[in-house]
N, C-alpha and C. Protein backbone atom coordinates (compact mmCIF):
# COMPACT_ATOMS: atom_id res chain seq x y z
N MET A 1 93.70 48.96 74.27
CA MET A 1 92.76 49.41 75.28
C MET A 1 93.36 50.53 76.13
N ASN A 2 94.65 50.39 76.54
CA ASN A 2 95.30 51.42 77.33
C ASN A 2 95.38 52.74 76.56
N GLU A 3 95.60 52.65 75.26
CA GLU A 3 95.68 53.85 74.41
C GLU A 3 94.34 54.57 74.41
N LEU A 4 93.25 53.82 74.37
CA LEU A 4 91.91 54.40 74.40
C LEU A 4 91.67 55.12 75.72
N ILE A 5 92.10 54.54 76.83
CA ILE A 5 91.94 55.16 78.15
C ILE A 5 92.76 56.45 78.22
N LYS A 6 94.00 56.44 77.71
CA LYS A 6 94.84 57.64 77.72
C LYS A 6 94.20 58.74 76.89
N ASN A 7 93.68 58.38 75.71
CA ASN A 7 93.01 59.38 74.87
C ASN A 7 91.77 59.93 75.54
N THR A 8 91.02 59.08 76.22
CA THR A 8 89.82 59.50 76.92
C THR A 8 90.18 60.43 78.08
N ASP A 9 91.25 60.09 78.83
CA ASP A 9 91.69 60.94 79.94
C ASP A 9 92.13 62.31 79.43
N SER A 10 92.88 62.34 78.37
CA SER A 10 93.34 63.60 77.79
C SER A 10 92.16 64.43 77.30
N PHE A 11 91.22 63.75 76.66
CA PHE A 11 90.00 64.40 76.18
C PHE A 11 89.23 65.00 77.36
N TYR A 12 89.07 64.22 78.41
CA TYR A 12 88.38 64.67 79.62
C TYR A 12 89.11 65.87 80.23
N ASP A 13 90.44 65.80 80.34
CA ASP A 13 91.23 66.88 80.94
C ASP A 13 91.06 68.19 80.18
N ARG A 14 91.02 68.13 78.87
CA ARG A 14 90.84 69.34 78.07
C ARG A 14 89.47 69.96 78.32
N ILE A 15 88.45 69.12 78.42
CA ILE A 15 87.09 69.63 78.70
C ILE A 15 87.03 70.18 80.11
N ALA A 16 87.62 69.48 81.07
CA ALA A 16 87.64 69.96 82.45
C ALA A 16 88.35 71.31 82.55
N ASP A 17 89.46 71.47 81.83
CA ASP A 17 90.18 72.75 81.83
C ASP A 17 89.32 73.87 81.27
N LEU A 18 88.57 73.58 80.21
CA LEU A 18 87.67 74.58 79.64
C LEU A 18 86.60 75.00 80.65
N LEU A 19 86.02 74.02 81.34
CA LEU A 19 84.98 74.33 82.32
C LEU A 19 85.53 75.13 83.50
N LYS A 20 86.74 74.79 83.95
CA LYS A 20 87.36 75.54 85.05
C LYS A 20 87.64 76.98 84.63
N ALA A 21 88.14 77.16 83.42
CA ALA A 21 88.43 78.50 82.92
C ALA A 21 87.13 79.32 82.79
N ALA A 22 86.07 78.67 82.35
CA ALA A 22 84.78 79.35 82.22
C ALA A 22 84.26 79.77 83.59
N ARG A 23 84.39 78.91 84.59
CA ARG A 23 83.96 79.26 85.95
C ARG A 23 84.73 80.47 86.47
N GLN A 24 86.05 80.47 86.25
CA GLN A 24 86.87 81.59 86.71
C GLN A 24 86.46 82.89 86.02
N ALA A 25 86.17 82.82 84.74
CA ALA A 25 85.75 84.00 83.99
C ALA A 25 84.41 84.53 84.51
N VAL A 26 83.50 83.63 84.86
CA VAL A 26 82.20 84.04 85.39
C VAL A 26 82.38 84.72 86.74
N VAL A 27 83.19 84.15 87.62
CA VAL A 27 83.42 84.73 88.94
C VAL A 27 84.03 86.12 88.80
N LYS A 28 85.03 86.25 87.92
CA LYS A 28 85.68 87.54 87.70
C LYS A 28 84.68 88.56 87.17
N SER A 29 83.86 88.14 86.25
CA SER A 29 82.86 89.03 85.66
C SER A 29 81.84 89.48 86.71
N VAL A 30 81.37 88.54 87.53
CA VAL A 30 80.40 88.87 88.57
C VAL A 30 81.02 89.84 89.58
N ASN A 31 82.26 89.57 90.02
CA ASN A 31 82.93 90.46 90.97
C ASN A 31 83.07 91.87 90.39
N HIS A 32 83.51 91.95 89.14
CA HIS A 32 83.69 93.26 88.50
C HIS A 32 82.36 94.00 88.40
N THR A 33 81.31 93.28 87.99
CA THR A 33 79.99 93.89 87.86
C THR A 33 79.49 94.40 89.21
N MET A 34 79.70 93.61 90.26
CA MET A 34 79.29 94.05 91.60
C MET A 34 80.01 95.33 92.01
N VAL A 35 81.32 95.37 91.81
CA VAL A 35 82.11 96.53 92.23
C VAL A 35 81.67 97.78 91.46
N VAL A 36 81.49 97.66 90.15
CA VAL A 36 81.05 98.81 89.35
C VAL A 36 79.65 99.25 89.78
N THR A 37 78.77 98.28 90.04
CA THR A 37 77.41 98.60 90.48
C THR A 37 77.43 99.32 91.82
N TYR A 38 78.23 98.84 92.76
CA TYR A 38 78.33 99.49 94.08
C TYR A 38 78.91 100.89 93.96
N PHE A 39 79.87 101.08 93.05
CA PHE A 39 80.42 102.40 92.78
C PHE A 39 79.31 103.34 92.30
N GLU A 40 78.51 102.87 91.35
CA GLU A 40 77.41 103.68 90.81
C GLU A 40 76.33 103.97 91.85
N ILE A 41 76.01 102.97 92.70
CA ILE A 41 75.04 103.19 93.77
C ILE A 41 75.57 104.26 94.71
N GLY A 42 76.86 104.16 95.07
CA GLY A 42 77.47 105.17 95.93
C GLY A 42 77.39 106.55 95.32
N LYS A 43 77.63 106.64 94.02
CA LYS A 43 77.55 107.93 93.31
C LYS A 43 76.13 108.50 93.39
N LEU A 44 75.15 107.64 93.14
CA LEU A 44 73.75 108.10 93.19
C LEU A 44 73.37 108.57 94.59
N ILE A 45 73.83 107.86 95.61
CA ILE A 45 73.54 108.25 96.99
C ILE A 45 74.16 109.62 97.29
N VAL A 46 75.42 109.80 96.93
CA VAL A 46 76.10 111.08 97.18
C VAL A 46 75.37 112.21 96.45
N ASN A 47 75.03 111.99 95.19
CA ASN A 47 74.34 113.03 94.42
C ASN A 47 72.98 113.36 95.01
N GLN A 48 72.26 112.35 95.48
CA GLN A 48 70.93 112.58 96.07
C GLN A 48 71.06 113.31 97.41
N GLU A 49 72.04 112.91 98.20
CA GLU A 49 72.25 113.55 99.51
C GLU A 49 72.63 115.02 99.35
N GLN A 50 73.45 115.31 98.36
CA GLN A 50 73.96 116.67 98.19
C GLN A 50 73.00 117.58 97.43
N GLU A 51 72.10 116.99 96.69
CA GLU A 51 71.10 117.76 95.92
C GLU A 51 71.75 118.92 95.17
N GLY A 52 72.88 118.65 94.51
CA GLY A 52 73.56 119.68 93.73
C GLY A 52 74.44 120.59 94.56
N GLU A 53 74.42 120.48 95.87
CA GLU A 53 75.25 121.31 96.74
C GLU A 53 76.61 120.66 96.91
N GLU A 54 77.58 121.45 97.42
CA GLU A 54 78.93 120.92 97.62
C GLU A 54 78.96 119.92 98.78
N LYS A 55 78.13 120.16 99.80
CA LYS A 55 78.09 119.27 100.96
C LYS A 55 76.66 118.77 101.17
N ALA A 56 76.55 117.61 101.80
CA ALA A 56 75.23 117.03 102.07
C ALA A 56 74.56 117.74 103.23
N LYS A 57 73.24 117.74 103.22
CA LYS A 57 72.46 118.26 104.35
C LYS A 57 72.28 117.12 105.34
N TYR A 58 72.49 117.42 106.59
CA TYR A 58 72.42 116.37 107.60
C TYR A 58 71.02 116.23 108.16
N GLY A 59 70.77 115.12 108.81
CA GLY A 59 69.49 114.88 109.45
C GLY A 59 68.49 114.19 108.55
N ARG A 60 68.88 113.80 107.35
CA ARG A 60 67.96 113.12 106.45
C ARG A 60 68.08 111.61 106.64
N ASN A 61 67.01 110.91 106.37
CA ASN A 61 66.96 109.46 106.54
C ASN A 61 67.08 108.72 105.21
N LEU A 62 67.75 109.31 104.26
CA LEU A 62 67.85 108.73 102.93
C LEU A 62 68.37 107.31 102.96
N ILE A 63 69.48 107.08 103.64
CA ILE A 63 70.11 105.75 103.67
C ILE A 63 69.17 104.72 104.29
N ILE A 64 68.54 105.05 105.39
CA ILE A 64 67.66 104.11 106.09
C ILE A 64 66.45 103.77 105.22
N GLU A 65 65.84 104.79 104.62
CA GLU A 65 64.68 104.55 103.76
C GLU A 65 65.07 103.72 102.52
N LEU A 66 66.19 104.06 101.93
CA LEU A 66 66.67 103.31 100.77
C LEU A 66 66.96 101.87 101.14
N SER A 67 67.58 101.66 102.28
CA SER A 67 67.89 100.31 102.76
C SER A 67 66.61 99.49 102.91
N ASP A 68 65.59 100.07 103.51
CA ASP A 68 64.32 99.36 103.69
C ASP A 68 63.71 98.95 102.35
N LYS A 69 63.67 99.88 101.40
CA LYS A 69 63.07 99.59 100.09
C LYS A 69 63.87 98.54 99.31
N LEU A 70 65.20 98.72 99.27
CA LEU A 70 66.03 97.77 98.52
C LEU A 70 66.01 96.38 99.15
N SER A 71 66.02 96.32 100.46
CA SER A 71 65.99 95.02 101.15
C SER A 71 64.69 94.29 100.89
N ARG A 72 63.58 95.03 100.85
CA ARG A 72 62.29 94.39 100.57
C ARG A 72 62.27 93.81 99.15
N GLU A 73 62.82 94.54 98.18
CA GLU A 73 62.77 94.08 96.80
C GLU A 73 63.89 93.12 96.43
N PHE A 74 65.12 93.36 96.95
CA PHE A 74 66.27 92.59 96.49
C PHE A 74 66.88 91.68 97.57
N GLY A 75 66.35 91.71 98.77
CA GLY A 75 66.85 90.83 99.83
C GLY A 75 68.10 91.38 100.52
N LYS A 76 68.89 90.45 101.05
CA LYS A 76 70.08 90.83 101.83
C LYS A 76 71.08 91.61 101.00
N GLY A 77 71.95 92.31 101.71
CA GLY A 77 73.04 93.01 101.05
C GLY A 77 72.85 94.51 100.95
N PHE A 78 71.72 95.01 101.40
CA PHE A 78 71.45 96.44 101.27
C PHE A 78 71.10 97.08 102.61
N SER A 79 71.81 96.66 103.63
CA SER A 79 71.64 97.26 104.95
C SER A 79 72.14 98.70 104.90
N ALA A 80 71.77 99.50 105.89
CA ALA A 80 72.25 100.88 105.94
C ALA A 80 73.77 100.91 105.97
N THR A 81 74.38 99.97 106.68
CA THR A 81 75.84 99.90 106.75
C THR A 81 76.43 99.65 105.37
N ASN A 82 75.87 98.70 104.63
CA ASN A 82 76.38 98.40 103.28
C ASN A 82 76.21 99.60 102.34
N LEU A 83 75.10 100.29 102.44
CA LEU A 83 74.88 101.46 101.59
C LEU A 83 75.86 102.57 101.94
N LYS A 84 76.17 102.73 103.22
CA LYS A 84 77.16 103.73 103.63
C LYS A 84 78.54 103.35 103.09
N GLN A 85 78.83 102.04 103.05
CA GLN A 85 80.11 101.60 102.49
C GLN A 85 80.17 101.89 100.99
N MET A 86 79.06 101.74 100.29
CA MET A 86 79.02 102.05 98.87
C MET A 86 79.25 103.54 98.65
N ARG A 87 78.64 104.36 99.50
CA ARG A 87 78.85 105.81 99.43
C ARG A 87 80.32 106.14 99.67
N THR A 88 80.90 105.54 100.71
CA THR A 88 82.31 105.77 101.02
C THR A 88 83.20 105.29 99.89
N PHE A 89 82.86 104.16 99.28
CA PHE A 89 83.61 103.63 98.14
C PHE A 89 83.64 104.65 97.01
N TYR A 90 82.49 105.20 96.69
CA TYR A 90 82.44 106.21 95.63
C TYR A 90 83.28 107.43 96.01
N LEU A 91 83.11 107.92 97.23
CA LEU A 91 83.86 109.11 97.65
C LEU A 91 85.36 108.87 97.65
N THR A 92 85.77 107.65 98.00
CA THR A 92 87.19 107.31 98.05
C THR A 92 87.79 107.15 96.67
N TYR A 93 87.09 106.48 95.78
CA TYR A 93 87.66 106.11 94.49
C TYR A 93 87.16 106.95 93.31
N SER A 94 86.33 107.94 93.56
CA SER A 94 85.84 108.76 92.46
C SER A 94 86.88 109.77 92.00
N LYS A 95 87.84 110.06 92.84
CA LYS A 95 88.88 111.02 92.48
C LYS A 95 89.76 110.42 91.40
N GLY A 96 89.55 110.84 90.18
CA GLY A 96 90.36 110.35 89.07
C GLY A 96 89.93 109.00 88.53
N GLN A 97 88.88 108.43 89.06
CA GLN A 97 88.44 107.09 88.63
C GLN A 97 87.24 107.25 87.69
N MET A 98 87.37 106.68 86.52
CA MET A 98 86.25 106.65 85.59
C MET A 98 85.58 105.28 85.71
N VAL A 99 84.28 105.24 85.50
CA VAL A 99 83.57 103.97 85.61
C VAL A 99 84.11 102.97 84.60
N SER A 100 84.60 103.47 83.47
CA SER A 100 85.13 102.56 82.46
C SER A 100 86.48 101.97 82.88
N ASP A 101 87.15 102.62 83.86
CA ASP A 101 88.42 102.08 84.35
C ASP A 101 88.17 100.72 85.00
N GLU A 102 89.20 99.91 84.99
CA GLU A 102 89.07 98.59 85.58
C GLU A 102 89.12 98.66 87.10
N PHE A 103 88.18 98.05 87.75
CA PHE A 103 88.26 97.78 89.18
C PHE A 103 88.74 96.34 89.25
N ASN A 104 89.99 96.13 89.57
CA ASN A 104 90.57 94.79 89.49
C ASN A 104 90.47 93.98 90.77
N LEU A 105 90.05 94.59 91.86
CA LEU A 105 89.95 93.86 93.12
C LEU A 105 88.51 93.48 93.39
N SER A 106 88.33 92.55 94.31
CA SER A 106 86.97 92.17 94.70
C SER A 106 86.42 93.22 95.67
N TRP A 107 85.13 93.20 95.90
CA TRP A 107 84.48 94.14 96.81
C TRP A 107 85.09 94.02 98.21
N SER A 108 85.36 92.80 98.67
CA SER A 108 85.92 92.63 100.02
C SER A 108 87.30 93.26 100.13
N HIS A 109 88.10 93.23 99.05
CA HIS A 109 89.40 93.88 99.07
C HIS A 109 89.25 95.40 99.19
N TYR A 110 88.30 95.96 98.46
CA TYR A 110 88.08 97.41 98.56
C TYR A 110 87.60 97.78 99.96
N LEU A 111 86.76 96.94 100.57
CA LEU A 111 86.32 97.21 101.95
C LEU A 111 87.51 97.24 102.90
N LYS A 112 88.44 96.29 102.73
CA LYS A 112 89.65 96.28 103.57
C LYS A 112 90.47 97.54 103.37
N LEU A 113 90.65 97.93 102.13
CA LEU A 113 91.44 99.12 101.85
C LEU A 113 90.79 100.39 102.41
N MET A 114 89.47 100.44 102.38
CA MET A 114 88.78 101.63 102.90
C MET A 114 88.86 101.73 104.42
N ARG A 115 89.15 100.64 105.09
CA ARG A 115 89.29 100.66 106.55
C ARG A 115 90.61 101.29 106.99
N ILE A 116 91.54 101.46 106.07
CA ILE A 116 92.82 102.06 106.40
C ILE A 116 92.63 103.56 106.46
N ASP A 117 92.91 104.16 107.61
CA ASP A 117 92.66 105.59 107.81
C ASP A 117 93.73 106.49 107.22
N ASP A 118 94.92 105.99 107.08
CA ASP A 118 96.05 106.79 106.61
C ASP A 118 95.83 107.23 105.17
N GLU A 119 96.15 108.49 104.85
CA GLU A 119 96.04 108.96 103.47
C GLU A 119 97.00 108.23 102.55
N ASN A 120 98.12 107.81 103.09
CA ASN A 120 99.13 107.08 102.32
C ASN A 120 98.81 105.59 102.44
N LYS A 121 97.74 105.18 101.78
CA LYS A 121 97.23 103.82 101.92
C LYS A 121 98.24 102.78 101.44
N THR A 122 98.28 101.66 102.16
CA THR A 122 99.14 100.55 101.83
C THR A 122 98.26 99.39 101.41
N ILE A 123 98.66 98.64 100.39
CA ILE A 123 97.84 97.51 99.96
C ILE A 123 98.34 96.20 100.54
N GLY A 124 99.36 96.21 101.30
CA GLY A 124 99.81 94.96 101.90
C GLY A 124 101.28 94.99 102.21
N LEU A 125 101.83 93.83 102.32
CA LEU A 125 103.24 93.66 102.63
C LEU A 125 104.00 93.34 101.36
N ILE A 126 105.24 93.69 101.32
CA ILE A 126 106.10 93.32 100.20
C ILE A 126 106.95 92.17 100.68
N LEU A 127 106.81 91.02 100.03
CA LEU A 127 107.53 89.83 100.43
C LEU A 127 108.42 89.36 99.29
N CYS A 128 109.67 89.06 99.59
CA CYS A 128 110.57 88.51 98.59
C CYS A 128 110.58 87.00 98.77
N GLN A 129 110.32 86.26 97.70
CA GLN A 129 110.28 84.80 97.78
C GLN A 129 111.67 84.23 98.00
N ASN A 130 112.66 84.85 97.40
CA ASN A 130 114.02 84.32 97.48
C ASN A 130 114.96 85.50 97.45
N LYS A 131 115.91 85.56 98.38
CA LYS A 131 116.78 86.73 98.46
C LYS A 131 117.65 86.90 97.23
N ASN A 132 117.77 85.87 96.41
CA ASN A 132 118.56 85.96 95.18
C ASN A 132 117.73 86.37 93.98
N GLU A 133 116.43 86.53 94.17
CA GLU A 133 115.56 86.93 93.08
C GLU A 133 115.04 88.33 93.32
N SER A 134 114.77 89.04 92.26
CA SER A 134 114.26 90.39 92.41
C SER A 134 112.75 90.44 92.25
N ILE A 135 112.11 89.29 92.33
CA ILE A 135 110.66 89.21 92.20
C ILE A 135 110.03 89.61 93.53
N VAL A 136 109.07 90.49 93.48
CA VAL A 136 108.39 90.96 94.69
C VAL A 136 106.90 90.68 94.52
N GLN A 137 106.29 90.22 95.59
CA GLN A 137 104.85 89.94 95.55
C GLN A 137 104.13 90.88 96.50
N TYR A 138 102.94 91.34 96.09
CA TYR A 138 102.09 92.14 96.96
C TYR A 138 101.00 91.22 97.47
N THR A 139 100.67 91.35 98.72
CA THR A 139 99.65 90.47 99.28
C THR A 139 98.82 91.19 100.33
N LEU A 140 97.60 90.80 100.43
CA LEU A 140 96.73 91.25 101.52
C LEU A 140 96.64 90.12 102.53
N PRO A 141 96.44 90.44 103.80
CA PRO A 141 96.36 89.38 104.80
C PRO A 141 95.16 88.47 104.55
N GLU A 142 95.35 87.20 104.84
CA GLU A 142 94.27 86.22 104.69
C GLU A 142 93.31 86.30 105.88
N ASN A 143 92.08 85.92 105.69
CA ASN A 143 91.09 85.77 106.76
C ASN A 143 90.93 87.02 107.61
N ASN A 144 91.03 88.19 106.99
CA ASN A 144 90.85 89.46 107.71
C ASN A 144 91.78 89.63 108.89
N GLU A 145 92.94 88.98 108.87
CA GLU A 145 93.89 89.13 109.97
C GLU A 145 94.51 90.51 109.93
N GLN A 146 94.79 91.05 111.11
CA GLN A 146 95.42 92.36 111.19
C GLN A 146 96.92 92.23 110.94
N ILE A 147 97.49 93.27 110.41
CA ILE A 147 98.93 93.32 110.23
C ILE A 147 99.49 94.13 111.38
N PHE A 148 100.38 93.56 112.15
CA PHE A 148 100.99 94.26 113.27
C PHE A 148 102.38 94.71 112.84
N ALA A 149 102.54 96.02 112.66
CA ALA A 149 103.82 96.57 112.20
C ALA A 149 104.96 96.22 113.15
N SER A 150 104.65 96.03 114.42
CA SER A 150 105.70 95.73 115.40
C SER A 150 106.37 94.39 115.12
N LYS A 151 105.74 93.54 114.34
CA LYS A 151 106.30 92.23 114.01
C LYS A 151 107.24 92.29 112.81
N TYR A 152 107.32 93.45 112.16
CA TYR A 152 108.09 93.57 110.94
C TYR A 152 109.12 94.69 111.07
N GLN A 153 110.18 94.57 110.29
CA GLN A 153 111.15 95.65 110.23
C GLN A 153 110.52 96.78 109.44
N THR A 154 110.41 97.96 110.06
CA THR A 154 109.71 99.06 109.41
C THR A 154 110.66 100.12 108.86
N VAL A 155 111.96 99.91 108.98
CA VAL A 155 112.95 100.85 108.46
C VAL A 155 113.73 100.14 107.36
N LEU A 156 113.82 100.78 106.22
CA LEU A 156 114.56 100.17 105.13
C LEU A 156 116.06 100.32 105.37
N PRO A 157 116.83 99.31 105.00
CA PRO A 157 118.30 99.43 105.14
C PRO A 157 118.86 100.40 104.10
N THR A 158 120.08 100.80 104.29
CA THR A 158 120.76 101.64 103.31
C THR A 158 120.95 100.84 102.03
N LYS A 159 121.28 101.51 100.93
CA LYS A 159 121.50 100.83 99.66
C LYS A 159 122.63 99.81 99.78
N GLU A 160 123.69 100.20 100.48
CA GLU A 160 124.84 99.30 100.65
C GLU A 160 124.43 98.05 101.43
N LYS A 161 123.69 98.24 102.52
CA LYS A 161 123.25 97.12 103.36
C LYS A 161 122.30 96.22 102.56
N LEU A 162 121.43 96.82 101.76
CA LEU A 162 120.50 96.05 100.95
C LEU A 162 121.25 95.21 99.91
N LYS A 163 122.25 95.80 99.26
CA LYS A 163 123.06 95.04 98.29
C LYS A 163 123.76 93.88 98.98
N GLU A 164 124.23 94.14 100.19
CA GLU A 164 124.92 93.08 100.97
C GLU A 164 123.96 91.95 101.32
N LEU A 165 122.74 92.29 101.69
CA LEU A 165 121.75 91.28 102.04
C LEU A 165 121.32 90.45 100.85
N ILE A 166 121.21 91.09 99.69
CA ILE A 166 120.75 90.40 98.48
C ILE A 166 121.83 89.50 97.90
N SER A 167 123.11 89.92 97.96
CA SER A 167 124.16 89.11 97.33
C SER A 167 124.56 87.90 98.14
């Protein structure tokens, strides 16, 4: 009887693992599809605003009118602010980015990155898990917390000092 329970548990665990993997794949696929779609929407907005010109003509209500129409048909998520973010996303990432290229981050990660004003954008902090390991992890702050540079050492040590710290 115990052997039957062990076999049943193992059988259940394998099925549960399959279902968890399928859920993760669906989430990843949905996130990727959203990011690519928002990139394309941003591209269409920029092209419509510019009407073939190098710069957009100001004073048009394109974003507001589009927001009203999309919100009526598709519901939340298409406010004027969101559409402006999609436009900014396209303008930021269209340089050298092909639609077929992988967008590996979620939409919220791209929004965080676009809020950084510096041209030399940073994606997070570099943290070493163990001073004896050369493994480095990149991370973005959790829960939209701000990173305060004053709390961190912002000057790299010399090569000699770094070797001393690691050994």
